[in-house]
Protein backbone atom coordinates (compact mmCIF):
# COMPACT_ATOMS: atom_id res chain seq x y z
CA MET A 1 -23.52 -24.80 29.23
CA GLU A 2 -24.18 -21.47 30.70
CA GLN A 3 -24.15 -18.54 28.31
CA GLN A 4 -21.68 -15.65 29.35
CA THR A 5 -22.60 -11.82 28.64
CA ALA A 6 -20.37 -9.31 27.70
CA GLN A 7 -18.83 -6.83 30.53
CA PRO A 8 -16.65 -3.95 30.34
CA CYS A 9 -13.13 -4.85 31.51
CA ILE A 10 -11.63 -2.80 34.31
CA ILE A 11 -8.03 -2.82 32.70
CA CYS A 12 -9.06 -1.93 28.75
CA GLY A 13 -12.98 -0.98 29.03
CA HIS A 14 -13.61 -3.15 26.22
CA MET A 15 -16.82 -5.21 26.80
CA LYS A 16 -15.80 -8.86 26.51
CA GLU A 17 -17.29 -12.53 27.47
CA GLU A 18 -14.20 -14.48 28.46
CA GLY A 19 -12.22 -13.54 31.76
CA ILE A 20 -12.04 -13.56 35.30
CA VAL A 21 -14.10 -11.89 37.91
CA ILE A 22 -12.48 -10.39 41.28
CA VAL A 23 -14.72 -8.81 43.72
CA SER A 24 -17.15 -8.44 41.18
CA HIS A 25 -14.67 -6.46 38.75
CA PHE A 26 -14.06 -8.02 35.46
CA ILE A 27 -10.72 -8.42 34.12
CA CYS A 28 -10.52 -9.96 30.34
CA GLU A 29 -8.55 -12.69 29.21
CA ASP A 30 -6.67 -10.78 26.87
CA CYS A 31 -5.94 -8.10 29.76
CA GLU A 32 -4.94 -10.85 32.37
CA SER A 33 -2.63 -12.61 29.98
CA GLU A 34 -0.78 -9.28 29.36
CA ILE A 35 -0.80 -8.47 32.98
CA VAL A 36 0.86 -11.76 33.71
CA HIS A 37 3.61 -11.42 31.04
CA THR A 38 4.81 -7.70 31.74
CA ASP A 39 7.66 -7.42 33.47
CA ALA A 40 7.50 -5.39 36.93
CA GLU A 41 10.01 -2.92 35.48
CA ASP A 42 7.67 -1.98 32.39
CA ALA A 43 5.92 1.25 32.50
CA LYS A 44 2.66 -0.65 31.55
CA TYR A 45 2.77 -2.75 34.59
CA ARG A 46 2.10 0.45 36.73
CA PHE A 47 -0.86 1.35 34.27
CA PHE A 48 -2.41 -2.28 35.08
CA ILE A 49 -1.77 -1.76 38.90
CA GLY A 50 -3.45 1.69 38.49
CA GLN A 51 -6.38 0.11 37.11
CA MET A 52 -6.64 -2.86 39.57
CA ARG A 53 -6.88 -0.16 42.53
CA GLN A 54 -10.46 -0.14 41.56
CA ILE A 55 -10.99 -3.34 42.93
CA GLY A 56 -9.60 -2.39 46.38
CA LEU A 57 -11.38 1.19 46.74
CA GLN A 58 -15.18 -1.03 46.60
CA LYS A 59 -16.75 -0.17 49.93
CA ASN A 60 -17.17 -2.73 52.54
CA ALA A 61 -14.85 -5.04 51.15
């Protein structure tokens, strides 16, 4: 079984082991779940979008 190491989440900034990697950027399991269950009209959703824009800012992507 592959051992995972903690990585900083681009949403919350906490070091976590479980989550997803999108274009080399890590989103922890907790934030992923919160994003999926947050209504698009919620102010928190805009925060999530802003944080995820880091993914699109990577050079040569």
